[in-house]
C-alpha atoms as a PDB file:
ATOM      1  CA  MET A   1       0.010  -0.013   0.027  1.00  0.00           C
ATOM      2  CA  LYS A   2       1.316   3.486  -0.900  1.00  0.00           C
ATOM      3  CA  TYR A   3       1.202   6.306   1.517  1.00  0.00           C
ATOM      4  CA  LYS A   4       1.629   9.946   0.671  1.00  0.00           C
ATOM      5  CA  VAL A   5       3.484  12.125   3.146  1.00  0.00           C
ATOM      6  CA  PHE A   6       3.143  15.850   3.077  1.00  0.00           C
ATOM      7  CA  ILE A   7       6.346  17.529   3.966  1.00  0.00           C
ATOM      8  CA  GLN A   8       7.293  21.155   3.572  1.00  0.00           C
ATOM      9  CA  PHE A   9      10.924  21.245   2.698  1.00  0.00           C
ATOM     10  CA  THR A  10      12.166  24.539   3.764  1.00  0.00           C
ATOM     11  CA  PHE A  11      15.437  26.487   3.285  1.00  0.00           C
ATOM     12  CA  LEU A  12      15.127  29.361   5.575  1.00  0.00           C
ATOM     13  CA  PHE A  13      17.105  32.563   4.926  1.00  0.00           C
ATOM     14  CA  TRP A  14      16.404  36.094   5.970  1.00  0.00           C
ATOM     15  CA  LEU A  15      17.464  39.476   4.792  1.00  0.00           C
ATOM     16  CA  ILE A  16      16.712  42.582   6.843  1.00  0.00           C
ATOM     17  CA  LEU A  17      15.772  45.539   4.640  1.00  0.00           C
ATOM     18  CA  GLY A  18      14.677  48.382   6.860  1.00  0.00           C
ATOM     19  CA  GLN A  19      11.790  46.571   8.787  1.00  0.00           C
ATOM     20  CA  GLY A  20      11.140  43.971   6.321  1.00  0.00           C
ATOM     21  CA  THR A  21      11.989  40.381   6.218  1.00  0.00           C
ATOM     22  CA  ILE A  22      12.365  38.129   3.226  1.00  0.00           C
ATOM     23  CA  SER A  23      11.916  34.364   3.530  1.00  0.00           C
ATOM     24  CA  ALA A  24      11.692  31.440   1.113  1.00  0.00           C
ATOM     25  CA  SER A  25      10.431  27.979   1.191  1.00  0.00           C
ATOM     26  CA  ILE A  26      10.272  24.955  -1.226  1.00  0.00           C
ATOM     27  CA  MET A  27       7.346  22.616  -0.824  1.00  0.00           C
ATOM     28  CA  ALA A  28       7.120  19.097  -2.327  1.00  0.00           C
ATOM     29  CA  LEU A  29       4.732  16.140  -1.936  1.00  0.00           C
ATOM     30  CA  ALA A  30       6.828  13.107  -1.185  1.00  0.00           C
ATOM     31  CA  GLN A  31       5.918   9.562  -2.429  1.00  0.00           C
ATOM     32  CA  PRO A  32       7.763   6.302  -1.929  1.00  0.00           C
ATOM     33  CA  SER A  33      10.263   5.394  -4.620  1.00  0.00           C
ATOM     34  CA  PRO A  34       9.382   2.192  -6.699  1.00  0.00           C
ATOM     35  CA  ASN A  35      12.444   0.247  -5.800  1.00  0.00           C
ATOM     36  CA  VAL A  36      12.319   0.000  -1.959  1.00  0.00           C
ATOM     37  CA  SER A  37      11.385  -3.633  -1.264  1.00  0.00           C
ATOM     38  CA  SER A  38      14.610  -4.453   0.625  1.00  0.00           C
ATOM     39  CA  PHE A  39      14.241  -1.236   2.503  1.00  0.00           C
ATOM     40  CA  LEU A  40      10.741  -2.013   3.678  1.00  0.00           C
ATOM     41  CA  GLN A  41      11.715  -5.458   4.863  1.00  0.00           C
ATOM     42  CA  ASP A  42      13.596  -3.930   7.816  1.00  0.00           C
ATOM     43  CA  ASP A  43      11.136  -4.557  10.654  1.00  0.00           C
ATOM     44  CA  ARG A  44      12.649  -1.661  12.712  1.00  0.00           C
ATOM     45  CA  LEU A  45      11.144   0.727  10.112  1.00  0.00           C
ATOM     46  CA  GLN A  46       7.495  -0.642  10.297  1.00  0.00           C
ATOM     47  CA  LYS A  47       6.752   1.091  13.678  1.00  0.00           C
ATOM     48  CA  ASN A  48       3.857   3.563  13.050  1.00  0.00           C
ATOM     49  CA  ILE A  49       4.693   7.126  14.222  1.00  0.00           C
ATOM     50  CA  THR A  50       2.806  10.389  14.383  1.00  0.00           C
ATOM     51  CA  LEU A  51       4.656  13.554  13.958  1.00  0.00           C
ATOM     52  CA  HIS A  52       3.711  17.319  13.842  1.00  0.00           C
ATOM     53  CA  GLU A  53       6.852  19.378  13.419  1.00  0.00           C
ATOM     54  CA  THR A  54       7.425  22.896  12.126  1.00  0.00           C
ATOM     55  CA  GLY A  55      10.958  24.211  11.231  1.00  0.00           C
ATOM     56  CA  ILE A  56      12.705  21.226  12.761  1.00  0.00           C
ATOM     57  CA  GLN A  57      16.245  20.589  11.352  1.00  0.00           C
ATOM     58  CA  MET A  58      16.953  17.329   9.719  1.00  0.00           C
ATOM     59  CA  GLU A  59      19.668  16.325  12.205  1.00  0.00           C
ATOM     60  CA  ASP A  60      17.189  17.064  15.146  1.00  0.00           C
ATOM     61  CA  LEU A  61      14.408  15.047  13.468  1.00  0.00           C
ATOM     62  CA  LEU A  62      16.671  11.974  12.875  1.00  0.00           C
ATOM     63  CA  LYS A  63      17.813  12.208  16.551  1.00  0.00           C
ATOM     64  CA  HIS A  64      14.227  12.159  17.534  1.00  0.00           C
ATOM     65  CA  LEU A  65      13.339   9.143  15.309  1.00  0.00           C
ATOM     66  CA  SER A  66      16.435   7.137  16.371  1.00  0.00           C
ATOM     67  CA  GLN A  67      15.721   4.401  18.928  1.00  0.00           C
ATOM     68  CA  LYS A  68      17.329   1.481  20.586  1.00  0.00           C
ATOM     69  CA  GLY A  69      18.815  -0.619  18.017  1.00  0.00           C
ATOM     70  CA  LEU A  70      18.243   1.852  15.259  1.00  0.00           C
ATOM     71  CA  VAL A  71      20.495   4.892  14.382  1.00  0.00           C
ATOM     72  CA  LEU A  72      19.452   7.427  11.776  1.00  0.00           C
ATOM     73  CA  ILE A  73      21.769  10.075  10.662  1.00  0.00           C
ATOM     74  CA  ALA A  74      22.354  12.180   7.570  1.00  0.00           C
ATOM     75  CA  ASP A  75      25.380  13.628   5.700  1.00  0.00           C
ATOM     76  CA  PRO A  76      26.617  17.111   6.185  1.00  0.00           C
ATOM     77  CA  HIS A  77      24.589  18.456   3.170  1.00  0.00           C
ATOM     78  CA  CYS A  78      21.359  17.312   4.671  1.00  0.00           C
ATOM     79  CA  VAL A  79      21.636  18.005   8.337  1.00  0.00           C
ATOM     80  CA  ARG A  80      20.733  21.877   8.248  1.00  0.00           C
ATOM     81  CA  ILE A  81      17.616  21.332   6.058  1.00  0.00           C
ATOM     82  CA  LYS A  82      14.557  22.523   7.881  1.00  0.00           C
ATOM     83  CA  LEU A  83      11.256  20.641   7.557  1.00  0.00           C
ATOM     84  CA  GLN A  84       7.630  20.915   8.343  1.00  0.00           C
ATOM     85  CA  ILE A  85       6.001  17.497   8.829  1.00  0.00           C
ATOM     86  CA  ASN A  86       2.436  16.365   9.505  1.00  0.00           C
ATOM     87  CA  LEU A  87       2.242  12.623   9.663  1.00  0.00           C
ATOM     88  CA  LYS A  88      -0.313  10.528  11.498  1.00  0.00           C
ATOM     89  CA  ALA A  89       0.092   6.808  12.223  1.00  0.00           C
ATOM     90  CA  ARG A  90       2.313   5.893   9.339  1.00  0.00           C
ATOM     91  CA  PRO A  91       5.361   3.542   9.239  1.00  0.00           C
ATOM     92  CA  LEU A  92       8.737   5.220   9.986  1.00  0.00           C
ATOM     93  CA  SER A  93       9.757   3.693   6.612  1.00  0.00           C
ATOM     94  CA  VAL A  94       7.212   5.958   4.726  1.00  0.00           C
ATOM     95  CA  LEU A  95       8.641   9.163   6.272  1.00  0.00           C
ATOM     96  CA  MET A  96      12.222   7.938   5.473  1.00  0.00           C
ATOM     97  CA  ILE A  97      11.425   7.313   1.951  1.00  0.00           C
ATOM     98  CA  GLY A  98       9.728  10.737   1.856  1.00  0.00           C
ATOM     99  CA  LEU A  99      12.781  12.317   3.157  1.00  0.00           C
ATOM    100  CA  ALA A 100      14.905  10.587   0.631  1.00  0.00           C
ATOM    101  CA  ASP A 101      12.755  11.576  -2.323  1.00  0.00           C
ATOM    102  CA  LEU A 102      12.503  15.189  -1.031  1.00  0.00           C
ATOM    103  CA  THR A 103      16.204  15.609  -0.800  1.00  0.00           C
ATOM    104  CA  SER A 104      17.176  13.726  -3.959  1.00  0.00           C
ATOM    105  CA  GLY A 105      19.017  11.390  -1.821  1.00  0.00           C
ATOM    106  CA  ARG A 106      19.165   7.753  -0.657  1.00  0.00           C
ATOM    107  CA  TRP A 107      19.418   5.851   2.609  1.00  0.00           C
ATOM    108  CA  ARG A 108      22.410   3.652   3.011  1.00  0.00           C
ATOM    109  CA  PRO A 109      22.885   0.963   5.691  1.00  0.00           C
ATOM    110  CA  LEU A 110      25.625   1.706   8.204  1.00  0.00           C
ATOM    111  CA  GLU A 111      28.464  -0.610   8.148  1.00  0.00           C
ATOM    112  CA  ASN A 112      27.440  -2.381  11.402  1.00  0.00           C
ATOM    113  CA  GLN A 113      23.799  -2.600  10.338  1.00  0.00           C
ATOM    114  CA  SER A 114      22.908  -0.317  13.360  1.00  0.00           C
ATOM    115  CA  GLY A 115      20.960   1.909  11.181  1.00  0.00           C
ATOM    116  CA  TYR A 116      20.965   4.212   8.035  1.00  0.00           C
ATOM    117  CA  ILE A 117      22.545   7.385   6.762  1.00  0.00           C
ATOM    118  CA  LEU A 118      20.683   9.754   4.189  1.00  0.00           C
ATOM    119  CA  THR A 119      23.165  10.889   1.577  1.00  0.00           C
ATOM    120  CA  MET A 120      22.313  13.542  -1.059  1.00  0.00           C
ATOM    121  CA  LYS A 121      23.055  12.696  -4.682  1.00  0.00           C
ATOM    122  CA  THR A 122      26.027  14.626  -6.285  1.00  0.00           C
ATOM    123  CA  SER A 123      23.709  16.456  -8.663  1.00  0.00           C
ATOM    124  CA  ALA A 124      21.445  17.585  -5.878  1.00  0.00           C
ATOM    125  CA  ILE A 125      24.402  18.862  -3.803  1.00  0.00           C
ATOM    126  CA  LYS A 126      25.441  20.985  -6.815  1.00  0.00           C
ATOM    127  CA  GLN A 127      21.922  22.480  -7.060  1.00  0.00           C
ATOM    128  CA  TYR A 128      21.773  22.978  -3.331  1.00  0.00           C
ATOM    129  CA  GLU A 129      25.177  24.819  -3.324  1.00  0.00           C
ATOM    130  CA  THR A 130      24.250  26.892  -6.321  1.00  0.00           C
ATOM    131  CA  TRP A 131      20.948  27.858  -4.567  1.00  0.00           C
ATOM    132  CA  TRP A 132      22.828  29.073  -1.429  1.00  0.00           C
ATOM    133  CA  ARG A 133      25.472  30.861  -3.499  1.00  0.00           C
ATOM    134  CA  LEU A 134      22.694  32.844  -5.254  1.00  0.00           C
ATOM    135  CA  ILE A 135      21.102  33.660  -1.979  1.00  0.00           C
ATOM    136  CA  ASP A 136      24.348  34.895  -0.432  1.00  0.00           C
ATOM    137  CA  GLU A 137      25.066  37.053  -3.536  1.00  0.00           C
ATOM    138  CA  GLU A 138      21.679  38.506  -3.441  1.00  0.00           C
ATOM    139  CA  ARG A 139      22.093  39.146   0.308  1.00  0.00           C
ATOM    140  CA  GLU A 140      25.466  41.009  -0.209  1.00  0.00           C
ATOM    141  CA  ASN A 141      23.927  43.040  -2.983  1.00  0.00           C
ATOM    142  CA  ALA A 142      21.216  44.091  -0.687  1.00  0.00           C
ATOM    143  CA  ILE A 143      23.544  44.944   2.159  1.00  0.00           C
ATOM    144  CA  ALA A 144      25.597  47.042  -0.320  1.00  0.00           C
ATOM    145  CA  LEU A 145      22.666  48.985  -1.366  1.00  0.00           C
ATOM    146  CA  GLN A 146      21.613  49.501   2.351  1.00  0.00           C
ATOM    147  CA  ARG A 147      25.047  50.862   3.151  1.00  0.00           C
ATOM    148  CA  LYS A 148      25.015  53.150   0.270  1.00  0.00           C
ATOM    149  CA  ALA A 149      21.652  54.519   1.392  1.00  0.00           C
ATOM    150  CA  VAL A 150      22.833  55.029   4.982  1.00  0.00           C
ATOM    151  CA  LEU A 151      25.976  56.895   3.786  1.00  0.00           C
ATOM    152  CA  ASN A 152      23.912  59.045   1.466  1.00  0.00           C
ATOM    153  CA  ALA A 153      21.655  59.877   4.425  1.00  0.00           C
ATOM    154  CA  ILE A 154      24.605  60.893   6.569  1.00  0.00           C
ATOM    155  CA  GLN A 155      26.077  63.182   3.933  1.00  0.00           C
ATOM    156  CA  THR A 156      22.823  64.872   2.947  1.00  0.00           C
ATOM    157  CA  PRO A 157      22.318  68.359   4.406  1.00  0.00           C
ATOM    158  CA  TYR A 158      19.502  68.726   6.906  1.00  0.00           C
ATOM    159  CA  LYS A 159      16.382  69.998   5.145  1.00  0.00           C
ATOM    160  CA  ARG A 160      14.394  72.301   7.520  1.00  0.00           C
ATOM    161  CA  THR A 161      10.557  72.164   7.650  1.00  0.00           C
ATOM    162  CA  ILE A 162       8.984  75.119   5.864  1.00  0.00           C
ATOM    163  CA  SER A 163       5.650  76.632   6.681  1.00  0.00           C
ATOM    164  CA  THR A 164       3.728  78.295   3.778  1.00  0.00           C
ATOM    165  CA  PRO A 165       0.450  80.198   3.689  1.00  0.00           C
ATOM    166  CA  GLN A 166      -0.732  77.247   1.484  1.00  0.00           C
ATOM    167  CA  GLU A 167       0.449  74.571   3.978  1.00  0.00           C
ATOM    168  CA  PRO A 168       0.971  76.136   7.343  1.00  0.00           C
ATOM    169  CA  ILE A 169       2.791  74.067   9.755  1.00  0.00           C
ATOM    170  CA  ASP A 170       3.387  74.709  13.476  1.00  0.00           C
ATOM    171  CA  ILE A 171       7.311  74.493  13.443  1.00  0.00           C
ATOM    172  CA  ASN A 172       9.157  73.633  16.716  1.00  0.00           C
ATOM    173  CA  GLU A 173      12.252  75.722  16.103  1.00  0.00           C
ATOM    174  CA  GLU A 174      14.259  74.291  19.038  1.00  0.00           C
ATOM    175  CA  GLU A 175      13.596  70.760  17.627  1.00  0.00           C
ATOM    176  CA  GLU A 176      14.608  71.791  14.108  1.00  0.00           C
ATOM    177  CA  GLN A 177      17.775  73.301  15.411  1.00  0.00           C
ATOM    178  CA  LYS A 178      18.610  70.170  17.364  1.00  0.00           C
ATOM    179  CA  ASN A 179      18.067  68.069  14.231  1.00  0.00           C
ATOM    180  CA  GLU A 180      20.164  70.410  12.047  1.00  0.00           C
ATOM    181  CA  GLU A 181      23.062  70.313  14.494  1.00  0.00           C
ATOM    182  CA  ARG A 182      22.777  66.522  14.651  1.00  0.00           C
ATOM    183  CA  GLN A 183      22.983  66.077  10.974  1.00  0.00           C
ATOM    184  CA  ASN A 184      25.806  68.572  10.737  1.00  0.00           C
ATOM    185  CA  PHE A 185      27.829  66.531  13.300  1.00  0.00           C
ATOM    186  CA  TRP A 186      27.495  63.410  11.114  1.00  0.00           C
ATOM    187  CA  ARG A 187      28.349  65.313   7.883  1.00  0.00           C
ATOM    188  CA  ALA A 188      31.469  66.789   9.633  1.00  0.00           C
ATOM    189  CA  LEU A 189      32.813  63.302  10.537  1.00  0.00           C
ATOM    190  CA  PRO A 190      35.837  62.178   8.193  1.00  0.00           C
ATOM    191  CA  LEU A 191      34.653  59.855   5.537  1.00  0.00           C
ATOM    192  CA  SER A 192      36.296  56.905   7.097  1.00  0.00           C
ATOM    193  CA  LEU A 193      34.207  57.366  10.229  1.00  0.00           C
ATOM    194  CA  GLN A 194      31.077  57.904   8.039  1.00  0.00           C
ATOM    195  CA  LYS A 195      31.680  54.576   6.318  1.00  0.00           C
ATOM    196  CA  LYS A 196      32.233  52.772   9.735  1.00  0.00           C
ATOM    197  CA  SER A 197      28.915  54.263  10.898  1.00  0.00           C
ATOM    198  CA  GLN A 198      26.966  52.784   7.919  1.00  0.00           C
ATOM    199  CA  ASN A 199      28.065  49.237   9.010  1.00  0.00           C
ATOM    200  CA  LYS A 200      26.372  49.576  12.379  1.00  0.00           C
END
Protein backbone atom coordinates (compact mmCIF):
# COMPACT_ATOMS: atom_id res chain seq x y z
CA MET A 1 0.00 0.00 0.00
CA LYS A 2 1.33 3.42 -0.93
CA TYR A 3 1.18 6.30 1.48
CA LYS A 4 1.60 9.95 0.71
CA VAL A 5 3.51 12.09 3.15
CA PHE A 6 3.11 15.84 3.00
CA ILE A 7 6.38 17.47 3.91
CA GLN A 8 7.30 21.09 3.55
CA PHE A 9 10.99 21.25 2.67
CA THR A 10 12.17 24.63 3.80
CA PHE A 11 15.39 26.49 3.22
CA LEU A 12 15.18 29.40 5.63
CA PHE A 13 17.06 32.60 4.99
CA TRP A 14 16.42 36.14 5.96
CA LEU A 15 17.50 39.50 4.78
CA ILE A 16 16.71 42.57 6.82
CA LEU A 17 15.79 45.56 4.66
CA GLY A 18 14.62 48.35 6.89
CA GLN A 19 11.83 46.66 8.83
CA GLY A 20 11.10 43.97 6.26
CA THR A 21 12.04 40.32 6.24
CA ILE A 22 12.32 38.16 3.15
CA SER A 23 11.93 34.41 3.52
CA ALA A 24 11.64 31.54 1.09
CA SER A 25 10.46 27.96 1.20
CA ILE A 26 10.26 25.04 -1.19
CA MET A 27 7.34 22.59 -0.83
CA ALA A 28 7.05 19.10 -2.20
CA LEU A 29 4.75 16.09 -2.00
CA ALA A 30 6.90 13.07 -1.24
CA GLN A 31 5.93 9.58 -2.38
CA PRO A 32 7.71 6.25 -1.94
CA SER A 33 10.24 5.38 -4.64
CA PRO A 34 9.42 2.26 -6.69
CA ASN A 35 12.50 0.19 -5.80
CA VAL A 36 12.33 0.01 -1.99
CA SER A 37 11.41 -3.61 -1.31
CA SER A 38 14.59 -4.42 0.61
CA PHE A 39 14.28 -1.20 2.59
CA LEU A 40 10.72 -1.99 3.62
CA GLN A 41 11.71 -5.48 4.86
CA ASP A 42 13.52 -3.97 7.86
CA ASP A 43 11.15 -4.59 10.78
CA ARG A 44 12.64 -1.69 12.71
CA LEU A 45 11.19 0.71 10.15
CA GLN A 46 7.61 -0.60 10.30
CA LYS A 47 6.71 1.05 13.61
CA ASN A 48 3.88 3.56 13.14
CA ILE A 49 4.70 7.10 14.16
CA THR A 50 2.80 10.38 14.44
CA LEU A 51 4.68 13.63 13.93
CA HIS A 52 3.73 17.31 13.84
CA GLU A 53 6.87 19.40 13.47
CA THR A 54 7.45 22.92 12.16
CA GLY A 55 10.92 24.17 11.25
CA ILE A 56 12.75 21.18 12.69
CA GLN A 57 16.25 20.57 11.34
CA MET A 58 16.95 17.25 9.67
CA GLU A 59 19.64 16.44 12.24
CA ASP A 60 17.27 16.98 15.16
CA LEU A 61 14.48 15.05 13.45
CA LEU A 62 16.69 12.01 12.92
CA LYS A 63 17.88 12.11 16.53
CA HIS A 64 14.23 12.14 17.58
CA LEU A 65 13.42 9.19 15.31
CA SER A 66 16.41 7.13 16.36
CA GLN A 67 15.68 4.47 18.95
CA LYS A 68 17.30 1.54 20.71
CA GLY A 69 18.79 -0.66 18.02
CA LEU A 70 18.28 1.92 15.26
CA VAL A 71 20.47 4.91 14.43
CA LEU A 72 19.41 7.44 11.80
CA ILE A 73 21.85 10.10 10.61
CA ALA A 74 22.40 12.29 7.54
CA ASP A 75 25.43 13.56 5.67
CA PRO A 76 26.57 17.18 6.20
CA HIS A 77 24.63 18.40 3.15
CA CYS A 78 21.31 17.33 4.68
CA VAL A 79 21.61 18.06 8.39
CA ARG A 80 20.73 21.78 8.19
CA ILE A 81 17.63 21.35 6.06
CA LYS A 82 14.51 22.49 7.91
CA LEU A 83 11.24 20.64 7.59
CA GLN A 84 7.58 20.97 8.34
CA ILE A 85 6.01 17.53 8.82
CA ASN A 86 2.44 16.40 9.47
CA LEU A 87 2.26 12.63 9.71
CA LYS A 88 -0.36 10.51 11.50
CA ALA A 89 0.06 6.83 12.29
CA ARG A 90 2.30 5.92 9.35
CA PRO A 91 5.31 3.57 9.28
CA LEU A 92 8.71 5.14 9.90
CA SER A 93 9.80 3.73 6.54
CA VAL A 94 7.24 5.92 4.75
CA LEU A 95 8.66 9.08 6.32
CA MET A 96 12.22 8.00 5.51
CA ILE A 97 11.33 7.32 1.88
CA GLY A 98 9.65 10.73 1.72
CA LEU A 99 12.76 12.42 3.10
CA ALA A 100 14.95 10.64 0.57
CA ASP A 101 12.71 11.64 -2.35
CA LEU A 102 12.48 15.18 -1.08
CA THR A 103 16.24 15.68 -0.77
CA SER A 104 17.10 13.74 -3.96
CA GLY A 105 19.02 11.38 -1.73
CA ARG A 106 19.06 7.77 -0.63
CA TRP A 107 19.37 5.82 2.60
CA ARG A 108 22.45 3.63 2.95
CA PRO A 109 22.89 1.01 5.68
CA LEU A 110 25.61 1.77 8.22
CA GLU A 111 28.54 -0.64 8.18
CA ASN A 112 27.53 -2.32 11.44
CA GLN A 113 23.86 -2.56 10.35
CA SER A 114 22.90 -0.40 13.33
CA GLY A 115 20.90 1.96 11.16
CA TYR A 116 20.95 4.17 8.07
CA ILE A 117 22.54 7.34 6.75
CA LEU A 118 20.76 9.71 4.36
CA THR A 119 23.10 10.89 1.60
CA MET A 120 22.33 13.47 -1.05
CA LYS A 121 23.10 12.80 -4.71
CA THR A 122 26.01 14.68 -6.27
CA SER A 123 23.71 16.48 -8.70
CA ALA A 124 21.44 17.58 -5.86
CA ILE A 125 24.43 18.81 -3.85
CA LYS A 126 25.49 21.00 -6.78
CA GLN A 127 21.98 22.46 -7.06
CA TYR A 128 21.84 23.01 -3.31
CA GLU A 129 25.20 24.80 -3.27
CA THR A 130 24.22 26.91 -6.30
CA TRP A 131 20.99 27.89 -4.58
CA TRP A 132 22.79 29.06 -1.46
CA ARG A 133 25.45 30.86 -3.50
CA LEU A 134 22.73 32.85 -5.26
CA ILE A 135 21.12 33.67 -1.92
CA ASP A 136 24.45 34.88 -0.50
CA GLU A 137 25.08 37.01 -3.59
CA GLU A 138 21.65 38.62 -3.35
CA ARG A 139 22.15 39.17 0.37
CA GLU A 140 25.50 40.91 -0.21
CA ASN A 141 24.01 43.05 -2.98
CA ALA A 142 21.16 44.12 -0.71
CA ILE A 143 23.54 44.94 2.15
CA ALA A 144 25.71 47.00 -0.24
CA LEU A 145 22.64 49.00 -1.35
CA GLN A 146 21.61 49.50 2.26
CA ARG A 147 25.09 50.77 3.19
CA LYS A 148 25.02 53.16 0.24
CA ALA A 149 21.64 54.50 1.35
CA VAL A 150 22.88 55.01 4.93
CA LEU A 151 26.01 56.85 3.74
CA ASN A 152 23.88 59.05 1.50
CA ALA A 153 21.60 59.88 4.44
CA ILE A 154 24.63 60.83 6.56
CA GLN A 155 26.07 63.12 3.90
CA THR A 156 22.80 64.86 2.93
CA PRO A 157 22.32 68.35 4.43
CA TYR A 158 19.42 68.68 6.83
CA LYS A 159 16.31 70.08 5.18
CA ARG A 160 14.39 72.33 7.53
CA THR A 161 10.63 72.13 7.71
CA ILE A 162 9.04 75.05 5.88
CA SER A 163 5.68 76.59 6.66
CA THR A 164 3.83 78.29 3.81
CA PRO A 165 0.48 80.10 3.60
CA GLN A 166 -0.79 77.25 1.48
CA GLU A 167 0.47 74.60 3.93
CA PRO A 168 0.87 76.16 7.36
CA ILE A 169 2.82 74.06 9.84
CA ASP A 170 3.45 74.67 13.51
CA ILE A 171 7.25 74.46 13.54
CA ASN A 172 9.21 73.68 16.69
CA GLU A 173 12.31 75.81 16.11
CA GLU A 174 14.20 74.27 19.02
CA GLU A 175 13.63 70.78 17.63
CA GLU A 176 14.58 71.90 14.15
CA GLN A 177 17.83 73.37 15.47
CA LYS A 178 18.69 70.14 17.29
CA ASN A 179 18.02 68.05 14.18
CA GLU A 180 20.17 70.32 12.04
CA GLU A 181 23.05 70.25 14.52
CA ARG A 182 22.81 66.48 14.73
CA GLN A 183 22.97 66.12 10.95
CA ASN A 184 25.85 68.60 10.71
CA PHE A 185 27.74 66.54 13.27
CA TRP A 186 27.48 63.40 11.12
CA ARG A 187 28.37 65.30 7.95
CA ALA A 188 31.46 66.77 9.61
CA LEU A 189 32.91 63.36 10.42
CA PRO A 190 35.79 62.11 8.28
CA LEU A 191 34.67 59.88 5.44
CA SER A 192 36.35 56.86 7.05
CA LEU A 193 34.19 57.29 10.18
CA GLN A 194 31.08 57.85 8.10
CA LYS A 195 31.69 54.55 6.33
CA LYS A 196 32.19 52.79 9.66
CA SER A 197 28.90 54.22 10.87
CA GLN A 198 27.04 52.77 7.90
CA ASN A 199 28.05 49.27 8.99
CA LYS A 200 26.39 49.59 12.42
